[in-house]
C-alpha atoms as a PDB file:
ATOM      1  CA  UNK A   1      -6.571 -55.100  34.389  1.00  0.00           C
ATOM      2  CA  UNK A   2      -6.795 -57.958  31.906  1.00  0.00           C
ATOM      3  CA  UNK A   3      -3.805 -58.717  29.743  1.00  0.00           C
ATOM      4  CA  UNK A   4      -4.131 -59.719  26.130  1.00  0.00           C
ATOM      5  CA  UNK A   5      -2.649 -63.068  25.287  1.00  0.00           C
ATOM      6  CA  UNK A   6      -1.031 -63.729  21.983  1.00  0.00           C
ATOM      7  CA  UNK A   7      -4.102 -64.581  19.871  1.00  0.00           C
ATOM      8  CA  UNK A   8      -2.175 -65.345  16.715  1.00  0.00           C
ATOM      9  CA  UNK A   9      -3.388 -68.570  15.150  1.00  0.00           C
ATOM     10  CA  UNK A  10      -0.996 -71.228  14.014  1.00  0.00           C
ATOM     11  CA  UNK A  11      -0.729 -71.611  10.275  1.00  0.00           C
ATOM     12  CA  UNK A  12      -2.457 -74.515   8.588  1.00  0.00           C
ATOM     13  CA  UNK A  13       0.447 -74.623   6.157  1.00  0.00           C
ATOM     14  CA  UNK A  14       1.881 -78.016   7.011  1.00  0.00           C
ATOM     15  CA  UNK A  15       2.726 -81.235   5.171  1.00  0.00           C
ATOM     16  CA  UNK A  16      -0.626 -82.850   6.017  1.00  0.00           C
ATOM     17  CA  UNK A  17      -2.708 -79.984   4.580  1.00  0.00           C
ATOM     18  CA  UNK A  18      -0.555 -79.927   1.432  1.00  0.00           C
ATOM     19  CA  UNK A  19      -0.905 -83.715   1.113  1.00  0.00           C
ATOM     20  CA  UNK A  20      -4.711 -83.442   1.261  1.00  0.00           C
ATOM     21  CA  UNK A  21      -4.759 -80.659  -1.360  1.00  0.00           C
ATOM     22  CA  UNK A  22      -2.496 -82.683  -3.664  1.00  0.00           C
ATOM     23  CA  UNK A  23      -4.650 -85.802  -3.172  1.00  0.00           C
ATOM     24  CA  UNK A  24      -7.787 -83.986  -4.312  1.00  0.00           C
ATOM     25  CA  UNK A  25      -6.026 -82.277  -7.226  1.00  0.00           C
ATOM     26  CA  UNK A  26      -4.772 -85.651  -8.423  1.00  0.00           C
ATOM     27  CA  UNK A  27      -8.366 -86.911  -8.270  1.00  0.00           C
ATOM     28  CA  UNK A  28      -9.356 -84.100 -10.644  1.00  0.00           C
ATOM     29  CA  UNK A  29     -10.942 -81.545  -8.336  1.00  0.00           C
ATOM     30  CA  UNK A  30     -10.423 -77.837  -8.924  1.00  0.00           C
ATOM     31  CA  UNK A  31      -7.999 -75.860  -6.775  1.00  0.00           C
ATOM     32  CA  UNK A  32     -10.792 -74.082  -4.903  1.00  0.00           C
ATOM     33  CA  UNK A  33     -12.589 -77.327  -4.035  1.00  0.00           C
ATOM     34  CA  UNK A  34      -9.346 -79.013  -2.998  1.00  0.00           C
ATOM     35  CA  UNK A  35      -8.578 -76.120  -0.674  1.00  0.00           C
ATOM     36  CA  UNK A  36     -12.015 -76.215   0.951  1.00  0.00           C
ATOM     37  CA  UNK A  37     -11.828 -79.975   1.475  1.00  0.00           C
ATOM     38  CA  UNK A  38      -8.412 -79.526   3.099  1.00  0.00           C
ATOM     39  CA  UNK A  39      -9.924 -77.060   5.562  1.00  0.00           C
ATOM     40  CA  UNK A  40      -8.666 -73.788   4.126  1.00  0.00           C
ATOM     41  CA  UNK A  41     -10.206 -71.094   1.973  1.00  0.00           C
ATOM     42  CA  UNK A  42      -9.318 -70.731  -1.694  1.00  0.00           C
ATOM     43  CA  UNK A  43      -7.842 -67.320  -0.823  1.00  0.00           C
ATOM     44  CA  UNK A  44      -5.490 -68.983   1.647  1.00  0.00           C
ATOM     45  CA  UNK A  45      -4.357 -71.412  -1.045  1.00  0.00           C
ATOM     46  CA  UNK A  46      -3.615 -68.571  -3.465  1.00  0.00           C
ATOM     47  CA  UNK A  47      -1.794 -66.674  -0.698  1.00  0.00           C
ATOM     48  CA  UNK A  48       0.368 -69.756  -0.098  1.00  0.00           C
ATOM     49  CA  UNK A  49       1.143 -69.965  -3.815  1.00  0.00           C
ATOM     50  CA  UNK A  50       2.468 -66.394  -3.648  1.00  0.00           C
ATOM     51  CA  UNK A  51       4.260 -66.876  -0.322  1.00  0.00           C
ATOM     52  CA  UNK A  52       5.898 -70.295  -0.754  1.00  0.00           C
ATOM     53  CA  UNK A  53       7.974 -70.698  -3.935  1.00  0.00           C
ATOM     54  CA  UNK A  54       7.476 -74.454  -4.384  1.00  0.00           C
ATOM     55  CA  UNK A  55       3.714 -74.442  -3.817  1.00  0.00           C
ATOM     56  CA  UNK A  56       2.769 -73.601  -7.413  1.00  0.00           C
ATOM     57  CA  UNK A  57       4.992 -76.394  -8.756  1.00  0.00           C
ATOM     58  CA  UNK A  58       3.431 -78.866  -6.305  1.00  0.00           C
ATOM     59  CA  UNK A  59      -0.071 -77.901  -7.451  1.00  0.00           C
ATOM     60  CA  UNK A  60       0.792 -77.967 -11.157  1.00  0.00           C
ATOM     61  CA  UNK A  61       2.467 -81.378 -10.767  1.00  0.00           C
ATOM     62  CA  UNK A  62      -0.690 -82.790  -9.152  1.00  0.00           C
ATOM     63  CA  UNK A  63      -2.875 -81.316 -11.915  1.00  0.00           C
ATOM     64  CA  UNK A  64      -0.552 -82.730 -14.590  1.00  0.00           C
ATOM     65  CA  UNK A  65      -0.686 -86.139 -12.936  1.00  0.00           C
ATOM     66  CA  UNK A  66      -4.490 -86.046 -13.183  1.00  0.00           C
ATOM     67  CA  UNK A  67      -4.375 -85.117 -16.878  1.00  0.00           C
ATOM     68  CA  UNK A  68      -2.047 -88.031 -17.585  1.00  0.00           C
ATOM     69  CA  UNK A  69      -4.246 -90.402 -15.571  1.00  0.00           C
ATOM     70  CA  UNK A  70      -7.329 -89.346 -17.555  1.00  0.00           C
ATOM     71  CA  UNK A  71      -5.412 -89.708 -20.832  1.00  0.00           C
ATOM     72  CA  UNK A  72      -4.380 -93.245 -19.893  1.00  0.00           C
ATOM     73  CA  UNK A  73      -7.996 -94.156 -19.112  1.00  0.00           C
ATOM     74  CA  UNK A  74      -9.194 -92.792 -22.467  1.00  0.00           C
ATOM     75  CA  UNK A  75      -6.424 -94.632 -24.308  1.00  0.00           C
ATOM     76  CA  UNK A  76      -7.412 -97.842 -22.505  1.00  0.00           C
ATOM     77  CA  UNK A  77     -11.049 -97.444 -23.562  1.00  0.00           C
ATOM     78  CA  UNK A  78      -9.996 -96.523 -27.106  1.00  0.00           C
ATOM     79  CA  UNK A  79      -8.925-100.134 -27.611  1.00  0.00           C
ATOM     80  CA  UNK A  80     -12.626-101.054 -27.509  1.00  0.00           C
ATOM     81  CA  UNK A  81     -14.205 -97.831 -28.751  1.00  0.00           C
ATOM     82  CA  UNK A  82     -12.804 -95.473 -31.392  1.00  0.00           C
ATOM     83  CA  UNK A  83     -15.025 -92.689 -29.979  1.00  0.00           C
ATOM     84  CA  UNK A  84     -12.822 -92.451 -26.885  1.00  0.00           C
ATOM     85  CA  UNK A  85      -9.748 -91.646 -28.971  1.00  0.00           C
ATOM     86  CA  UNK A  86     -11.744 -89.294 -31.208  1.00  0.00           C
ATOM     87  CA  UNK A  87     -12.930 -87.453 -28.108  1.00  0.00           C
ATOM     88  CA  UNK A  88      -9.344 -87.102 -26.902  1.00  0.00           C
ATOM     89  CA  UNK A  89      -8.084 -85.967 -30.306  1.00  0.00           C
ATOM     90  CA  UNK A  90     -10.821 -83.337 -30.584  1.00  0.00           C
ATOM     91  CA  UNK A  91      -9.783 -81.812 -27.284  1.00  0.00           C
ATOM     92  CA  UNK A  92      -6.041 -82.110 -27.673  1.00  0.00           C
ATOM     93  CA  UNK A  93      -5.634 -81.078 -31.312  1.00  0.00           C
ATOM     94  CA  UNK A  94      -7.715 -78.153 -32.529  1.00  0.00           C
ATOM     95  CA  UNK A  95      -7.652 -79.284 -36.159  1.00  0.00           C
ATOM     96  CA  UNK A  96      -9.789 -82.291 -35.180  1.00  0.00           C
ATOM     97  CA  UNK A  97     -12.143 -80.252 -33.051  1.00  0.00           C
ATOM     98  CA  UNK A  98     -15.597 -79.740 -34.533  1.00  0.00           C
ATOM     99  CA  UNK A  99     -16.436 -76.085 -34.549  1.00  0.00           C
ATOM    100  CA  UNK A 100     -20.011 -75.273 -35.301  1.00  0.00           C
ATOM    101  CA  UNK A 101     -22.216 -72.401 -34.388  1.00  0.00           C
ATOM    102  CA  UNK A 102     -25.948 -72.375 -34.505  1.00  0.00           C
ATOM    103  CA  UNK A 103     -27.790 -69.111 -34.863  1.00  0.00           C
ATOM    104  CA  UNK A 104     -31.506 -68.844 -34.348  1.00  0.00           C
ATOM    105  CA  UNK A 105     -33.683 -65.837 -35.125  1.00  0.00           C
ATOM    106  CA  UNK A 106     -37.363 -65.091 -35.021  1.00  0.00           C
ATOM    107  CA  UNK A 107     -39.587 -63.575 -37.663  1.00  0.00           C
ATOM    108  CA  UNK A 108     -42.216 -65.091 -39.897  1.00  0.00           C
ATOM    109  CA  UNK A 109     -40.361 -68.357 -39.422  1.00  0.00           C
ATOM    110  CA  UNK A 110     -37.267 -69.579 -37.661  1.00  0.00           C
ATOM    111  CA  UNK A 111     -33.987 -68.514 -39.202  1.00  0.00           C
ATOM    112  CA  UNK A 112     -31.253 -71.115 -38.819  1.00  0.00           C
ATOM    113  CA  UNK A 113     -27.610 -70.754 -39.776  1.00  0.00           C
ATOM    114  CA  UNK A 114     -25.184 -73.582 -39.136  1.00  0.00           C
ATOM    115  CA  UNK A 115     -21.574 -72.797 -39.854  1.00  0.00           C
ATOM    116  CA  UNK A 116     -19.129 -75.678 -39.684  1.00  0.00           C
ATOM    117  CA  UNK A 117     -15.385 -75.329 -39.345  1.00  0.00           C
ATOM    118  CA  UNK A 118     -12.440 -77.438 -38.257  1.00  0.00           C
ATOM    119  CA  UNK A 119     -12.336 -81.042 -39.381  1.00  0.00           C
ATOM    120  CA  UNK A 120     -15.121 -82.090 -41.705  1.00  0.00           C
ATOM    121  CA  UNK A 121     -15.392 -85.746 -42.738  1.00  0.00           C
ATOM    122  CA  UNK A 122     -14.883 -86.258 -46.497  1.00  0.00           C
ATOM    123  CA  UNK A 123     -18.492 -87.434 -46.926  1.00  0.00           C
ATOM    124  CA  UNK A 124     -19.735 -84.042 -45.747  1.00  0.00           C
ATOM    125  CA  UNK A 125     -17.163 -81.828 -47.484  1.00  0.00           C
ATOM    126  CA  UNK A 126     -19.174 -81.510 -50.683  1.00  0.00           C
ATOM    127  CA  UNK A 127     -22.319 -80.387 -48.851  1.00  0.00           C
ATOM    128  CA  UNK A 128     -22.941 -76.681 -48.298  1.00  0.00           C
ATOM    129  CA  UNK A 129     -23.752 -75.200 -44.895  1.00  0.00           C
ATOM    130  CA  UNK A 130     -27.475 -74.952 -44.226  1.00  0.00           C
ATOM    131  CA  UNK A 131     -28.696 -71.378 -44.267  1.00  0.00           C
ATOM    132  CA  UNK A 132     -32.185 -70.067 -44.758  1.00  0.00           C
ATOM    133  CA  UNK A 133     -35.578 -69.617 -43.286  1.00  0.00           C
ATOM    134  CA  UNK A 134     -37.718 -72.583 -42.360  1.00  0.00           C
ATOM    135  CA  UNK A 135     -41.390 -72.061 -41.776  1.00  0.00           C
ATOM    136  CA  UNK A 136     -42.910 -74.029 -38.888  1.00  0.00           C
ATOM    137  CA  UNK A 137     -44.919 -76.117 -41.359  1.00  0.00           C
ATOM    138  CA  UNK A 138     -41.694 -77.033 -43.187  1.00  0.00           C
ATOM    139  CA  UNK A 139     -39.888 -78.063 -39.999  1.00  0.00           C
ATOM    140  CA  UNK A 140     -41.870 -81.299 -39.741  1.00  0.00           C
ATOM    141  CA  UNK A 141     -41.059 -82.121 -43.344  1.00  0.00           C
ATOM    142  CA  UNK A 142     -37.346 -82.146 -42.536  1.00  0.00           C
ATOM    143  CA  UNK A 143     -37.805 -85.203 -40.344  1.00  0.00           C
ATOM    144  CA  UNK A 144     -39.341 -87.218 -43.188  1.00  0.00           C
ATOM    145  CA  UNK A 145     -37.073 -88.755 -45.830  1.00  0.00           C
ATOM    146  CA  UNK A 146     -37.745 -87.564 -49.355  1.00  0.00           C
ATOM    147  CA  UNK A 147     -39.672 -89.936 -51.623  1.00  0.00           C
ATOM    148  CA  UNK A 148     -37.604 -91.243 -54.538  1.00  0.00           C
END
């Protein structure tokens, strides 16, 4: 009669696996991708977060480190290009974030509604949002500057 040996696998929860996960999180990868690259499933990672009290803090610290690293890079490039800082401001502070929606409809022409919200540069504040129906023949006329 054959006897069953203890077939329980050893846990992959060890300092090396955690180090690999943290390395990839600090590089900006998502939790799921970091887990896979460390040789575990995303489910295993989330189980560890529930099971081991310090795991969530370790992950969040690595993700925060990446955010700060990216911010430093953007700030460095902002010294040469104002667009880098504008990009950061738009994402960090909602009042600077351009919010626009574009609605398209079909009918005898194409119905376009552009609604702008959030920060609007002073040069555009006096202009009204574009709303109306543009016939296909009129669409080409929009590309041409008006004769004065």
